[in-house]
C-alpha atoms as a PDB file:
ATOM      1  CA  MET A   1     -42.314 -10.116  42.307  1.00  0.00           C
ATOM      2  CA  ALA A   2     -39.056 -11.981  43.380  1.00  0.00           C
ATOM      3  CA  LYS A   3     -36.047 -10.067  43.569  1.00  0.00           C
ATOM      4  CA  THR A   4     -33.463 -10.194  40.933  1.00  0.00           C
ATOM      5  CA  ALA A   5     -30.602 -12.778  41.878  1.00  0.00           C
ATOM      6  CA  ILE A   6     -26.772 -11.430  41.053  1.00  0.00           C
ATOM      7  CA  LEU A   7     -24.496 -14.050  40.959  1.00  0.00           C
ATOM      8  CA  PRO A   8     -20.827 -14.298  41.654  1.00  0.00           C
ATOM      9  CA  THR A   9     -20.187 -17.935  39.021  1.00  0.00           C
ATOM     10  CA  THR A  10     -21.742 -19.056  35.740  1.00  0.00           C
ATOM     11  CA  ASP A  11     -22.448 -22.229  37.374  1.00  0.00           C
ATOM     12  CA  GLU A  12     -24.670 -20.427  40.257  1.00  0.00           C
ATOM     13  CA  ALA A  13     -26.295 -18.956  37.576  1.00  0.00           C
ATOM     14  CA  VAL A  14     -27.734 -21.951  35.422  1.00  0.00           C
ATOM     15  CA  ALA A  15     -27.753 -24.255  38.777  1.00  0.00           C
ATOM     16  CA  GLY A  16     -31.078 -26.175  38.508  1.00  0.00           C
ATOM     17  CA  ILE A  17     -31.954 -26.154  34.698  1.00  0.00           C
ATOM     18  CA  GLU A  18     -33.661 -29.543  34.448  1.00  0.00           C
ATOM     19  CA  ASP A  19     -33.554 -31.769  31.813  1.00  0.00           C
ATOM     20  CA  GLY A  20     -35.800 -31.915  28.739  1.00  0.00           C
ATOM     21  CA  SER A  21     -35.872 -27.908  29.550  1.00  0.00           C
ATOM     22  CA  THR A  22     -36.884 -25.402  26.435  1.00  0.00           C
ATOM     23  CA  ILE A  23     -34.006 -22.938  26.589  1.00  0.00           C
ATOM     24  CA  LEU A  24     -34.373 -19.604  24.779  1.00  0.00           C
ATOM     25  CA  VAL A  25     -30.604 -18.572  23.680  1.00  0.00           C
ATOM     26  CA  GLY A  26     -29.766 -14.820  22.604  1.00  0.00           C
ATOM     27  CA  GLY A  27     -27.248 -13.996  20.094  1.00  0.00           C
ATOM     28  CA  PHE A  28     -27.157 -13.472  16.142  1.00  0.00           C
ATOM     29  CA  GLY A  29     -24.282 -15.903  14.889  1.00  0.00           C
ATOM     30  CA  LEU A  30     -21.835 -14.509  17.842  1.00  0.00           C
ATOM     31  CA  ALA A  31     -23.190 -11.098  18.355  1.00  0.00           C
ATOM     32  CA  GLY A  32     -24.898 -11.557  21.487  1.00  0.00           C
ATOM     33  CA  MET A  33     -24.330 -14.947  22.102  1.00  0.00           C
ATOM     34  CA  PRO A  34     -23.970 -16.054  25.878  1.00  0.00           C
ATOM     35  CA  PHE A  35     -21.055 -18.189  25.672  1.00  0.00           C
ATOM     36  CA  ASP A  36     -20.219 -18.100  29.452  1.00  0.00           C
ATOM     37  CA  LEU A  37     -23.691 -19.745  30.407  1.00  0.00           C
ATOM     38  CA  ILE A  38     -23.395 -22.020  27.788  1.00  0.00           C
ATOM     39  CA  ASP A  39     -19.961 -23.388  28.835  1.00  0.00           C
ATOM     40  CA  ALA A  40     -21.739 -23.542  32.110  1.00  0.00           C
ATOM     41  CA  LEU A  41     -24.784 -25.525  31.114  1.00  0.00           C
ATOM     42  CA  ILE A  42     -22.592 -27.829  29.423  1.00  0.00           C
ATOM     43  CA  ARG A  43     -20.528 -28.174  32.856  1.00  0.00           C
ATOM     44  CA  GLN A  44     -24.014 -28.420  34.810  1.00  0.00           C
ATOM     45  CA  GLY A  45     -25.063 -31.819  32.665  1.00  0.00           C
ATOM     46  CA  ALA A  46     -28.918 -31.012  31.656  1.00  0.00           C
ATOM     47  CA  LYS A  47     -29.777 -33.061  28.496  1.00  0.00           C
ATOM     48  CA  ASP A  48     -32.470 -33.613  25.731  1.00  0.00           C
ATOM     49  CA  LEU A  49     -32.955 -29.766  25.777  1.00  0.00           C
ATOM     50  CA  THR A  50     -35.210 -28.014  23.272  1.00  0.00           C
ATOM     51  CA  ILE A  51     -32.991 -25.068  22.324  1.00  0.00           C
ATOM     52  CA  VAL A  52     -34.652 -22.199  20.722  1.00  0.00           C
ATOM     53  CA  ALA A  53     -32.052 -19.258  18.706  1.00  0.00           C
ATOM     54  CA  ASN A  54     -31.486 -17.805  15.514  1.00  0.00           C
ATOM     55  CA  ASN A  55     -29.041 -20.387  14.001  1.00  0.00           C
ATOM     56  CA  ALA A  56     -27.353 -23.955  15.055  1.00  0.00           C
ATOM     57  CA  GLY A  57     -24.397 -23.051  16.284  1.00  0.00           C
ATOM     58  CA  ASN A  58     -20.894 -21.596  14.685  1.00  0.00           C
ATOM     59  CA  GLY A  59     -17.683 -23.540  14.603  1.00  0.00           C
ATOM     60  CA  ASP A  60     -16.950 -25.103  18.064  1.00  0.00           C
ATOM     61  CA  VAL A  61     -18.328 -22.545  20.411  1.00  0.00           C
ATOM     62  CA  GLY A  62     -21.394 -21.395  22.140  1.00  0.00           C
ATOM     63  CA  LEU A  63     -24.133 -23.613  20.762  1.00  0.00           C
ATOM     64  CA  ALA A  64     -22.192 -25.718  18.331  1.00  0.00           C
ATOM     65  CA  ALA A  65     -20.122 -26.513  21.528  1.00  0.00           C
ATOM     66  CA  LEU A  66     -23.630 -27.640  23.126  1.00  0.00           C
ATOM     67  CA  LEU A  67     -24.673 -29.757  20.719  1.00  0.00           C
ATOM     68  CA  ALA A  68     -21.695 -31.615  20.242  1.00  0.00           C
ATOM     69  CA  ALA A  69     -21.888 -32.104  24.051  1.00  0.00           C
ATOM     70  CA  GLY A  70     -24.349 -34.357  22.877  1.00  0.00           C
ATOM     71  CA  ARG A  71     -26.805 -31.977  25.366  1.00  0.00           C
ATOM     72  CA  VAL A  72     -29.386 -31.245  22.604  1.00  0.00           C
ATOM     73  CA  ARG A  73     -32.627 -33.009  21.505  1.00  0.00           C
ATOM     74  CA  LYS A  74     -34.120 -30.150  19.381  1.00  0.00           C
ATOM     75  CA  VAL A  75     -33.892 -27.066  17.345  1.00  0.00           C
ATOM     76  CA  ILE A  76     -36.083 -24.902  16.968  1.00  0.00           C
ATOM     77  CA  CYS A  77     -34.310 -22.008  14.591  1.00  0.00           C
ATOM     78  CA  SER A  78     -34.364 -19.829  11.851  1.00  0.00           C
ATOM     79  CA  PHE A  79     -30.473 -20.908   9.888  1.00  0.00           C
ATOM     80  CA  PRO A  80     -29.533 -24.263  10.831  1.00  0.00           C
ATOM     81  CA  ARG A  81     -27.142 -24.385   7.925  1.00  0.00           C
ATOM     82  CA  GLN A  82     -24.446 -22.220   7.507  1.00  0.00           C
ATOM     83  CA  ALA A  83     -20.828 -22.384   5.971  1.00  0.00           C
ATOM     84  CA  ASP A  84     -19.607 -23.422  10.224  1.00  0.00           C
ATOM     85  CA  SER A  85     -22.495 -25.198  10.737  1.00  0.00           C
ATOM     86  CA  TYR A  86     -20.786 -28.399  10.791  1.00  0.00           C
ATOM     87  CA  VAL A  87     -21.511 -29.950  14.018  1.00  0.00           C
ATOM     88  CA  PHE A  88     -25.498 -29.299  13.752  1.00  0.00           C
ATOM     89  CA  ASP A  89     -24.770 -30.697  10.021  1.00  0.00           C
ATOM     90  CA  LYS A  90     -23.319 -33.578  11.288  1.00  0.00           C
ATOM     91  CA  LEU A  91     -25.873 -34.609  14.208  1.00  0.00           C
ATOM     92  CA  TYR A  92     -28.972 -34.039  11.919  1.00  0.00           C
ATOM     93  CA  LEU A  93     -27.408 -36.159   9.192  1.00  0.00           C
ATOM     94  CA  ALA A  94     -27.214 -38.996  11.479  1.00  0.00           C
ATOM     95  CA  GLY A  95     -30.654 -38.224  12.704  1.00  0.00           C
ATOM     96  CA  GLU A  96     -29.785 -37.611  16.235  1.00  0.00           C
ATOM     97  CA  ILE A  97     -31.217 -33.977  16.665  1.00  0.00           C
ATOM     98  CA  GLU A  98     -34.693 -32.569  15.130  1.00  0.00           C
ATOM     99  CA  LEU A  99     -35.178 -30.002  13.659  1.00  0.00           C
ATOM    100  CA  GLU A 100     -37.987 -27.006  13.054  1.00  0.00           C
ATOM    101  CA  VAL A 101     -37.476 -24.184  10.719  1.00  0.00           C
ATOM    102  CA  VAL A 102     -39.484 -20.988  11.808  1.00  0.00           C
ATOM    103  CA  PRO A 103     -38.954 -17.878   9.873  1.00  0.00           C
ATOM    104  CA  GLN A 104     -36.756 -15.172  11.741  1.00  0.00           C
ATOM    105  CA  GLY A 105     -40.015 -12.353  11.664  1.00  0.00           C
ATOM    106  CA  ASN A 106     -41.986 -15.219  13.115  1.00  0.00           C
ATOM    107  CA  LEU A 107     -39.424 -16.490  15.894  1.00  0.00           C
ATOM    108  CA  ALA A 108     -39.191 -13.243  16.867  1.00  0.00           C
ATOM    109  CA  GLU A 109     -43.465 -13.139  16.884  1.00  0.00           C
ATOM    110  CA  ARG A 110     -43.866 -15.979  18.627  1.00  0.00           C
ATOM    111  CA  MET A 111     -41.477 -15.401  21.468  1.00  0.00           C
ATOM    112  CA  ARG A 112     -43.071 -11.969  21.457  1.00  0.00           C
ATOM    113  CA  ALA A 113     -46.573 -13.045  21.580  1.00  0.00           C
ATOM    114  CA  ALA A 114     -45.693 -15.409  25.028  1.00  0.00           C
ATOM    115  CA  GLY A 115     -44.282 -12.538  26.675  1.00  0.00           C
ATOM    116  CA  ALA A 116     -47.390 -10.184  25.601  1.00  0.00           C
ATOM    117  CA  GLY A 117     -49.663 -12.829  27.101  1.00  0.00           C
ATOM    118  CA  ILE A 118     -51.078 -13.391  23.361  1.00  0.00           C
ATOM    119  CA  GLY A 119     -52.880 -16.840  23.225  1.00  0.00           C
ATOM    120  CA  ALA A 120     -51.895 -17.102  19.255  1.00  0.00           C
ATOM    121  CA  PHE A 121     -52.048 -15.236  15.717  1.00  0.00           C
ATOM    122  CA  TYR A 122     -52.001 -15.007  12.066  1.00  0.00           C
ATOM    123  CA  CYS A 123     -49.165 -14.541  10.350  1.00  0.00           C
ATOM    124  CA  PRO A 124     -48.801 -14.461   5.413  1.00  0.00           C
ATOM    125  CA  THR A 125     -45.168 -15.740   5.911  1.00  0.00           C
ATOM    126  CA  GLY A 126     -44.509 -19.363   4.305  1.00  0.00           C
ATOM    127  CA  VAL A 127     -47.900 -19.651   3.669  1.00  0.00           C
ATOM    128  CA  GLY A 128     -48.202 -22.073   0.720  1.00  0.00           C
ATOM    129  CA  THR A 129     -45.057 -23.628   1.687  1.00  0.00           C
ATOM    130  CA  GLN A 130     -43.838 -26.805   3.922  1.00  0.00           C
ATOM    131  CA  LEU A 131     -43.578 -24.569   6.167  1.00  0.00           C
ATOM    132  CA  THR A 132     -46.926 -23.989   7.180  1.00  0.00           C
ATOM    133  CA  GLU A 133     -48.558 -27.586   6.604  1.00  0.00           C
ATOM    134  CA  GLY A 134     -50.931 -28.722   8.490  1.00  0.00           C
ATOM    135  CA  LYS A 135     -51.529 -25.276  10.134  1.00  0.00           C
ATOM    136  CA  GLU A 136     -54.784 -23.517  10.645  1.00  0.00           C
ATOM    137  CA  ILE A 137     -55.188 -21.415   7.193  1.00  0.00           C
ATOM    138  CA  ARG A 138     -57.382 -18.071   7.106  1.00  0.00           C
ATOM    139  CA  THR A 139     -58.294 -16.037   4.803  1.00  0.00           C
ATOM    140  CA  ILE A 140     -58.813 -11.949   5.849  1.00  0.00           C
ATOM    141  CA  ASP A 141     -58.946  -9.101   3.377  1.00  0.00           C
ATOM    142  CA  GLY A 142     -58.085 -11.373   0.732  1.00  0.00           C
ATOM    143  CA  ARG A 143     -54.953 -12.777   1.456  1.00  0.00           C
ATOM    144  CA  ASP A 144     -54.678 -16.182   3.358  1.00  0.00           C
ATOM    145  CA  TYR A 145     -52.845 -16.080   6.948  1.00  0.00           C
ATOM    146  CA  ALA A 146     -51.238 -19.206   8.985  1.00  0.00           C
ATOM    147  CA  LEU A 147     -51.963 -19.651  12.873  1.00  0.00           C
ATOM    148  CA  GLU A 148     -48.663 -19.263  14.782  1.00  0.00           C
ATOM    149  CA  TYR A 149     -48.808 -19.418  19.078  1.00  0.00           C
ATOM    150  CA  PRO A 150     -46.316 -18.613  20.911  1.00  0.00           C
ATOM    151  CA  ILE A 151     -43.017 -19.987  22.184  1.00  0.00           C
ATOM    152  CA  ARG A 152     -42.064 -20.222  25.798  1.00  0.00           C
ATOM    153  CA  GLY A 153     -38.717 -21.230  27.541  1.00  0.00           C
ATOM    154  CA  ASP A 154     -38.424 -22.908  30.370  1.00  0.00           C
ATOM    155  CA  TYR A 155     -35.669 -20.615  30.616  1.00  0.00           C
ATOM    156  CA  ALA A 156     -33.627 -17.600  28.389  1.00  0.00           C
ATOM    157  CA  LEU A 157     -29.702 -17.503  28.431  1.00  0.00           C
ATOM    158  CA  ILE A 158     -28.815 -13.954  27.451  1.00  0.00           C
ATOM    159  CA  SER A 159     -25.870 -11.918  27.071  1.00  0.00           C
ATOM    160  CA  ALA A 160     -26.578  -8.155  28.071  1.00  0.00           C
ATOM    161  CA  HIS A 161     -23.585  -5.299  27.839  1.00  0.00           C
ATOM    162  CA  ALA A 162     -24.322  -3.778  31.450  1.00  0.00           C
ATOM    163  CA  GLY A 163     -26.980  -4.271  34.343  1.00  0.00           C
ATOM    164  CA  ASP A 164     -27.416  -2.511  37.781  1.00  0.00           C
ATOM    165  CA  GLN A 165     -28.390  -4.225  41.388  1.00  0.00           C
ATOM    166  CA  MET A 166     -31.902  -4.687  40.535  1.00  0.00           C
ATOM    167  CA  GLY A 167     -31.502  -6.276  37.283  1.00  0.00           C
ATOM    168  CA  ASN A 168     -31.992  -3.713  34.462  1.00  0.00           C
ATOM    169  CA  LEU A 169     -30.382  -4.047  31.591  1.00  0.00           C
ATOM    170  CA  VAL A 170     -28.523  -2.493  28.421  1.00  0.00           C
ATOM    171  CA  TYR A 171     -27.270  -3.910  24.970  1.00  0.00           C
ATOM    172  CA  ARG A 172     -24.480  -2.977  22.655  1.00  0.00           C
ATOM    173  CA  LYS A 173     -25.250  -2.625  19.010  1.00  0.00           C
ATOM    174  CA  THR A 174     -25.854  -5.487  17.798  1.00  0.00           C
ATOM    175  CA  ALA A 175     -25.715  -7.721  20.211  1.00  0.00           C
ATOM    176  CA  ARG A 176     -29.146  -6.322  21.482  1.00  0.00           C
ATOM    177  CA  ASN A 177     -30.628  -9.005  19.052  1.00  0.00           C
ATOM    178  CA  PHE A 178     -33.404 -11.215  19.956  1.00  0.00           C
ATOM    179  CA  GLY A 179     -32.622 -10.879  23.670  1.00  0.00           C
ATOM    180  CA  PRO A 180     -35.089  -8.538  24.730  1.00  0.00           C
ATOM    181  CA  VAL A 181     -37.462 -10.578  23.826  1.00  0.00           C
ATOM    182  CA  MET A 182     -36.272 -13.951  25.073  1.00  0.00           C
ATOM    183  CA  ALA A 183     -36.263 -12.106  28.581  1.00  0.00           C
ATOM    184  CA  THR A 184     -39.836 -11.579  28.611  1.00  0.00           C
ATOM    185  CA  ALA A 185     -41.068 -15.413  27.204  1.00  0.00           C
ATOM    186  CA  ALA A 186     -39.081 -17.181  29.391  1.00  0.00           C
ATOM    187  CA  ALA A 187     -40.467 -18.193  32.702  1.00  0.00           C
ATOM    188  CA  THR A 188     -36.728 -17.594  34.097  1.00  0.00           C
ATOM    189  CA  THR A 189     -34.264 -15.355  32.547  1.00  0.00           C
ATOM    190  CA  ILE A 190     -30.380 -16.015  33.057  1.00  0.00           C
ATOM    191  CA  VAL A 191     -28.056 -12.884  32.204  1.00  0.00           C
ATOM    192  CA  GLN A 192     -24.409 -12.500  31.560  1.00  0.00           C
ATOM    193  CA  VAL A 193     -23.158  -8.842  31.362  1.00  0.00           C
ATOM    194  CA  SER A 194     -19.731  -7.464  31.098  1.00  0.00           C
ATOM    195  CA  SER A 195     -20.347  -4.921  34.136  1.00  0.00           C
ATOM    196  CA  ILE A 196     -22.928  -4.518  37.183  1.00  0.00           C
ATOM    197  CA  VAL A 197     -23.126  -0.861  38.299  1.00  0.00           C
ATOM    198  CA  PRO A 198     -25.144   0.300  41.601  1.00  0.00           C
ATOM    199  CA  THR A 199     -28.747   1.161  40.827  1.00  0.00           C
ATOM    200  CA  GLY A 200     -29.229   4.492  39.293  1.00  0.00           C
ATOM    201  CA  ASP A 201     -26.135   4.596  36.894  1.00  0.00           C
ATOM    202  CA  LEU A 202     -28.061   3.587  33.920  1.00  0.00           C
ATOM    203  CA  ASP A 203     -30.087   5.927  32.454  1.00  0.00           C
ATOM    204  CA  PRO A 204     -33.298   5.161  32.529  1.00  0.00           C
ATOM    205  CA  GLU A 205     -34.321   6.304  28.943  1.00  0.00           C
ATOM    206  CA  ALA A 206     -31.241   3.595  28.150  1.00  0.00           C
ATOM    207  CA  VAL A 207     -33.299   0.684  29.583  1.00  0.00           C
ATOM    208  CA  VAL A 208     -34.391  -1.834  27.551  1.00  0.00           C
ATOM    209  CA  THR A 209     -34.817  -4.738  29.731  1.00  0.00           C
ATOM    210  CA  PRO A 210     -36.416  -3.765  32.834  1.00  0.00           C
ATOM    211  CA  SER A 211     -35.762  -5.735  35.933  1.00  0.00           C
ATOM    212  CA  ILE A 212     -39.262  -7.158  36.151  1.00  0.00           C
ATOM    213  CA  TYR A 213     -38.295 -10.019  33.225  1.00  0.00           C
ATOM    214  CA  VAL A 214     -34.353 -10.516  34.658  1.00  0.00           C
ATOM    215  CA  ASP A 215     -34.116 -13.677  37.521  1.00  0.00           C
ATOM    216  CA  ARG A 216     -30.519 -14.270  37.647  1.00  0.00           C
ATOM    217  CA  VAL A 217     -27.723 -12.007  36.850  1.00  0.00           C
ATOM    218  CA  VAL A 218     -23.838 -12.373  36.478  1.00  0.00           C
ATOM    219  CA  GLU A 219     -20.711 -10.481  35.657  1.00  0.00           C
ATOM    220  CA  VAL A 220     -17.900 -12.013  33.099  1.00  0.00           C
ATOM    221  CA  GLU A 221     -15.143 -10.777  31.931  1.00  0.00           C
ATOM    222  CA  ALA A 222     -15.616  -9.699  27.898  1.00  0.00           C
ATOM    223  CA  ARG A 223     -14.312 -12.235  25.673  1.00  0.00           C
ATOM    224  CA  HIS A 224     -14.119 -11.784  21.837  1.00  0.00           C
ATOM    225  CA  TYR A 225     -14.597 -15.116  20.183  1.00  0.00           C
ATOM    226  CA  THR A 226     -13.996 -16.540  16.964  1.00  0.00           C
ATOM    227  CA  VAL A 227     -14.693 -19.298  14.499  1.00  0.00           C
ATOM    228  CA  GLN A 228     -12.741 -20.953  12.155  1.00  0.00           C
ATOM    229  CA  GLY A 229     -13.984 -21.994   8.585  1.00  0.00           C
ATOM    230  CA  ALA A 230     -16.002 -24.611   7.631  1.00  0.00           C
ATOM    231  CA  ARG A 231     -14.594 -28.024   7.787  1.00  0.00           C
END
């Protein structure tokens, strides 16, 4: 098992991400969004990316900035359109970005399945709608279910509250959202944390993501992001 790398900068943390990668990006709106890692990814230059996230960006920051930089080919998310999703809206209406809408529970479970080694699963959500067109449908105990496949990432970019020198992670309140499941579903998990503490300082019972799922960690200064109203 490779040891988690504690890196000094976000630029080093995202080094080596290839063009065409599928990247799982944590966050629920602004909560838990790995802003510093996304900014570093923009500087790094990888393009033709597939982004898997809860939504398609807010305002001009985070995912929206990555989209505005022209680096994203496709977005897989649950909530593509919001009052402040004007960057995505413009790209999508111009035919410059692809979209796959996945119900939020399915999105989380498809990533969890990837991390758990589950080949596929049946789910009733979306049956009878455009979301399940072309999918295998099976009737189980009188109810129809669609066959859903795992979503795996080449990389996951997530934000946690604190990590230790081994790479164990704890989260803060709702910033926990998709981070834990994405960490298990990616080949390489990259994490920004507000603080790195000595191994043993974190309560083992409070650790949410064990270090076995974490490849790179970088400490960044906590910042508060706000989004202006829709244009």
